[in-house]
C-alpha atoms as a PDB file:
ATOM      1  CA  MET A   1     153.273  81.707-110.025  1.00  0.00           C
ATOM      2  CA  ALA A   2     152.788  78.473-108.140  1.00  0.00           C
ATOM      3  CA  LEU A   3     148.930  79.198-108.274  1.00  0.00           C
ATOM      4  CA  ILE A   4     148.943  79.517-112.106  1.00  0.00           C
ATOM      5  CA  TRP A   5     150.972  76.121-112.554  1.00  0.00           C
ATOM      6  CA  ILE A   6     148.528  74.453-110.563  1.00  0.00           C
ATOM      7  CA  VAL A   7     145.622  75.948-112.352  1.00  0.00           C
ATOM      8  CA  LEU A   8     147.190  75.066-115.775  1.00  0.00           C
ATOM      9  CA  ILE A   9     147.718  71.509-114.707  1.00  0.00           C
ATOM     10  CA  ALA A  10     144.335  70.995-113.558  1.00  0.00           C
ATOM     11  CA  ALA A  11     142.733  72.488-116.706  1.00  0.00           C
ATOM     12  CA  VAL A  12     145.079  70.087-118.595  1.00  0.00           C
ATOM     13  CA  LEU A  13     143.889  66.830-116.491  1.00  0.00           C
ATOM     14  CA  VAL A  14     140.199  68.109-117.478  1.00  0.00           C
ATOM     15  CA  ALA A  15     140.743  68.509-120.735  1.00  0.00           C
ATOM     16  CA  ALA A  16     142.426  65.497-120.883  1.00  0.00           C
ATOM     17  CA  GLY A  17     139.602  63.347-118.980  1.00  0.00           C
ATOM     18  CA  LEU A  18     137.077  64.696-121.230  1.00  0.00           C
ATOM     19  CA  SER A  19     138.742  63.892-124.323  1.00  0.00           C
ATOM     20  CA  TRP A  20     138.945  60.351-123.056  1.00  0.00           C
ATOM     21  CA  ARG A  21     135.466  60.153-122.246  1.00  0.00           C
ATOM     22  CA  ARG A  22     134.365  61.588-125.306  1.00  0.00           C
ATOM     23  CA  ALA A  23     136.267  59.118-127.439  1.00  0.00           C
ATOM     24  CA  ARG A  24     134.657  56.182-125.698  1.00  0.00           C
ATOM     25  CA  ALA A  25     131.126  57.135-126.775  1.00  0.00           C
ATOM     26  CA  GLY A  26     129.940  56.692-130.211  1.00  0.00           C
ATOM     27  CA  VAL A  27     127.530  58.723-132.350  1.00  0.00           C
ATOM     28  CA  ASN A  28     124.570  59.909-130.274  1.00  0.00           C
ATOM     29  CA  GLY A  29     125.714  58.061-126.935  1.00  0.00           C
ATOM     30  CA  THR A  30     125.454  54.740-128.886  1.00  0.00           C
ATOM     31  CA  LEU A  31     128.288  51.911-128.442  1.00  0.00           C
ATOM     32  CA  ASN A  32     131.733  52.359-130.141  1.00  0.00           C
ATOM     33  CA  PRO A  33     132.943  49.035-131.740  1.00  0.00           C
ATOM     34  CA  GLN A  34     136.645  50.300-131.166  1.00  0.00           C
ATOM     35  CA  ILE A  35     136.374  50.004-127.434  1.00  0.00           C
ATOM     36  CA  GLY A  36     136.683  46.188-127.160  1.00  0.00           C
ATOM     37  CA  LEU A  37     133.028  45.306-127.706  1.00  0.00           C
ATOM     38  CA  GLU A  38     132.072  42.334-129.901  1.00  0.00           C
ATOM     39  CA  GLN A  39     128.904  41.030-131.325  1.00  0.00           C
ATOM     40  CA  GLY A  40     128.096  37.471-131.045  1.00  0.00           C
ATOM     41  CA  THR A  41     124.791  35.216-130.898  1.00  0.00           C
ATOM     42  CA  LEU A  42     123.059  33.298-128.069  1.00  0.00           C
ATOM     43  CA  THR A  43     121.418  30.164-128.893  1.00  0.00           C
ATOM     44  CA  LEU A  44     118.982  29.643-125.927  1.00  0.00           C
ATOM     45  CA  THR A  45     118.664  26.576-124.141  1.00  0.00           C
ATOM     46  CA  GLY A  46     116.166  27.273-121.637  1.00  0.00           C
ATOM     47  CA  VAL A  47     113.520  29.967-121.318  1.00  0.00           C
ATOM     48  CA  SER A  48     110.963  30.728-118.341  1.00  0.00           C
ATOM     49  CA  PRO A  49     107.421  30.139-119.111  1.00  0.00           C
ATOM     50  CA  ARG A  50     105.267  32.689-120.485  1.00  0.00           C
ATOM     51  CA  PRO A  51     103.143  34.435-117.563  1.00  0.00           C
ATOM     52  CA  LEU A  52      99.589  34.873-118.409  1.00  0.00           C
ATOM     53  CA  ASP A  53      99.839  38.693-118.041  1.00  0.00           C
ATOM     54  CA  GLY A  54     102.204  41.548-117.852  1.00  0.00           C
ATOM     55  CA  ASP A  55     102.372  44.593-115.495  1.00  0.00           C
ATOM     56  CA  ARG A  56     100.516  47.633-116.159  1.00  0.00           C
ATOM     57  CA  ASN A  57     103.210  48.375-119.046  1.00  0.00           C
ATOM     58  CA  GLY A  58     102.844  44.905-121.162  1.00  0.00           C
ATOM     59  CA  ASP A  59     106.234  43.660-119.740  1.00  0.00           C
ATOM     60  CA  ALA A  60     107.493  40.654-117.948  1.00  0.00           C
ATOM     61  CA  PHE A  61     110.584  39.029-116.768  1.00  0.00           C
ATOM     62  CA  VAL A  62     111.908  36.222-118.619  1.00  0.00           C
ATOM     63  CA  THR A  63     114.674  34.305-117.309  1.00  0.00           C
ATOM     64  CA  MET A  64     117.053  33.018-120.320  1.00  0.00           C
ATOM     65  CA  SER A  65     120.043  30.683-120.615  1.00  0.00           C
ATOM     66  CA  GLY A  66     121.940  29.586-123.460  1.00  0.00           C
ATOM     67  CA  THR A  67     125.331  29.517-125.321  1.00  0.00           C
ATOM     68  CA  VAL A  68     126.903  32.748-126.485  1.00  0.00           C
ATOM     69  CA  ALA A  69     129.568  32.288-129.183  1.00  0.00           C
ATOM     70  CA  GLY A  70     131.292  35.155-131.192  1.00  0.00           C
ATOM     71  CA  PRO A  71     134.178  35.501-133.683  1.00  0.00           C
ATOM     72  CA  SER A  72     136.865  35.387-131.215  1.00  0.00           C
ATOM     73  CA  THR A  73     135.187  33.725-128.406  1.00  0.00           C
ATOM     74  CA  ALA A  74     134.907  30.160-127.512  1.00  0.00           C
ATOM     75  CA  PRO A  75     131.388  29.152-126.833  1.00  0.00           C
ATOM     76  CA  ARG A  76     130.350  29.987-123.157  1.00  0.00           C
ATOM     77  CA  GLU A  77     127.381  29.148-121.099  1.00  0.00           C
ATOM     78  CA  ILE A  78     125.493  32.111-119.782  1.00  0.00           C
ATOM     79  CA  TYR A  79     122.279  32.908-117.715  1.00  0.00           C
ATOM     80  CA  GLY A  80     120.219  36.420-117.068  1.00  0.00           C
ATOM     81  CA  LYS A  81     116.959  37.634-116.297  1.00  0.00           C
ATOM     82  CA  PHE A  82     115.501  40.356-118.568  1.00  0.00           C
ATOM     83  CA  VAL A  83     112.628  42.458-118.941  1.00  0.00           C
ATOM     84  CA  TRP A  84     110.203  41.420-122.052  1.00  0.00           C
ATOM     85  CA  LYS A  85     107.392  42.879-123.914  1.00  0.00           C
ATOM     86  CA  MET A  86     104.423  40.860-123.701  1.00  0.00           C
ATOM     87  CA  ALA A  87     103.613  42.089-127.510  1.00  0.00           C
ATOM     88  CA  ASP A  88     106.771  40.698-128.521  1.00  0.00           C
ATOM     89  CA  THR A  89     107.382  36.960-129.385  1.00  0.00           C
ATOM     90  CA  TRP A  90     108.241  35.144-126.359  1.00  0.00           C
ATOM     91  CA  PRO A  91     111.889  33.490-126.509  1.00  0.00           C
ATOM     92  CA  GLU A  92     112.071  29.591-126.605  1.00  0.00           C
ATOM     93  CA  PRO A  93     114.863  27.030-126.460  1.00  0.00           C
ATOM     94  CA  GLY A  94     116.479  26.843-130.022  1.00  0.00           C
ATOM     95  CA  ASP A  95     116.057  30.661-130.788  1.00  0.00           C
ATOM     96  CA  GLN A  96     119.100  32.863-131.543  1.00  0.00           C
ATOM     97  CA  LEU A  97     119.414  36.226-130.368  1.00  0.00           C
ATOM     98  CA  PRO A  98     122.068  38.634-131.270  1.00  0.00           C
ATOM     99  CA  VAL A  99     124.283  39.651-128.070  1.00  0.00           C
ATOM    100  CA  VAL A 100     127.136  42.600-127.331  1.00  0.00           C
ATOM    101  CA  TYR A 101     129.862  41.707-124.867  1.00  0.00           C
ATOM    102  CA  LYS A 102     133.366  42.888-123.742  1.00  0.00           C
ATOM    103  CA  VAL A 103     136.225  40.611-125.378  1.00  0.00           C
ATOM    104  CA  GLY A 104     137.051  38.112-122.788  1.00  0.00           C
ATOM    105  CA  LYS A 105     134.285  39.030-120.331  1.00  0.00           C
ATOM    106  CA  VAL A 106     131.164  37.432-121.645  1.00  0.00           C
ATOM    107  CA  ASP A 107     130.041  35.682-118.527  1.00  0.00           C
ATOM    108  CA  THR A 108     129.702  39.353-116.981  1.00  0.00           C
ATOM    109  CA  THR A 109     129.051  41.628-119.728  1.00  0.00           C
ATOM    110  CA  TRP A 110     126.745  40.056-122.241  1.00  0.00           C
ATOM    111  CA  LYS A 111     123.553  42.209-123.138  1.00  0.00           C
ATOM    112  CA  VAL A 112     120.564  41.003-125.789  1.00  0.00           C
ATOM    113  CA  GLY A 113     120.932  43.503-128.478  1.00  0.00           C
ATOM    114  CA  THR A 114     123.486  44.641-131.488  1.00  0.00           C
ATOM    115  CA  MET A 115     125.839  47.391-132.060  1.00  0.00           C
ATOM    116  CA  ASP A 116     124.175  49.158-135.221  1.00  0.00           C
ATOM    117  CA  VAL A 117     124.013  52.727-134.776  1.00  0.00           C
ATOM    118  CA  GLY A 118     120.677  52.901-136.941  1.00  0.00           C
ATOM    119  CA  SER A 119     119.453  56.105-138.505  1.00  0.00           C
ATOM    120  CA  ASP A 120     118.590  59.229-137.068  1.00  0.00           C
ATOM    121  CA  GLU A 121     116.177  62.022-139.205  1.00  0.00           C
ATOM    122  CA  PHE A 122     119.145  62.817-141.078  1.00  0.00           C
ATOM    123  CA  GLY A 123     119.551  59.396-142.622  1.00  0.00           C
ATOM    124  CA  GLY A 124     121.834  56.448-141.891  1.00  0.00           C
ATOM    125  CA  PRO A 125     125.343  56.549-140.321  1.00  0.00           C
ATOM    126  CA  GLY A 126     127.255  56.241-143.787  1.00  0.00           C
ATOM    127  CA  GLN A 127     125.692  59.465-144.477  1.00  0.00           C
ATOM    128  CA  TYR A 128     128.679  62.003-143.197  1.00  0.00           C
END
């Protein structure tokens, strides 16, 4: 009888863990805005010089510094190093890039990009 209770409790814990993990992911593994992420803007104040060539994949490192500001976040100074495609326009001081970060943890969680889900082969996010 005790073994049945142990198996039942283990099954409930596994189901709860899977449910929690599934709730954190969005459509097709994209970011879910309900988990405390916010979109802001990075205004660049410093950028490393563009190298003459990239690696064999056409990538190069770029170091950027600037100020991140968002709807509920005071402007914060940040610094980071990224892989950048040499074919893309090299960032310059004064450029404004979209960033995503956890509210209250801008310094350690910011990433260049957006929270847009985009579309798949069936259409855009409003299709369902």
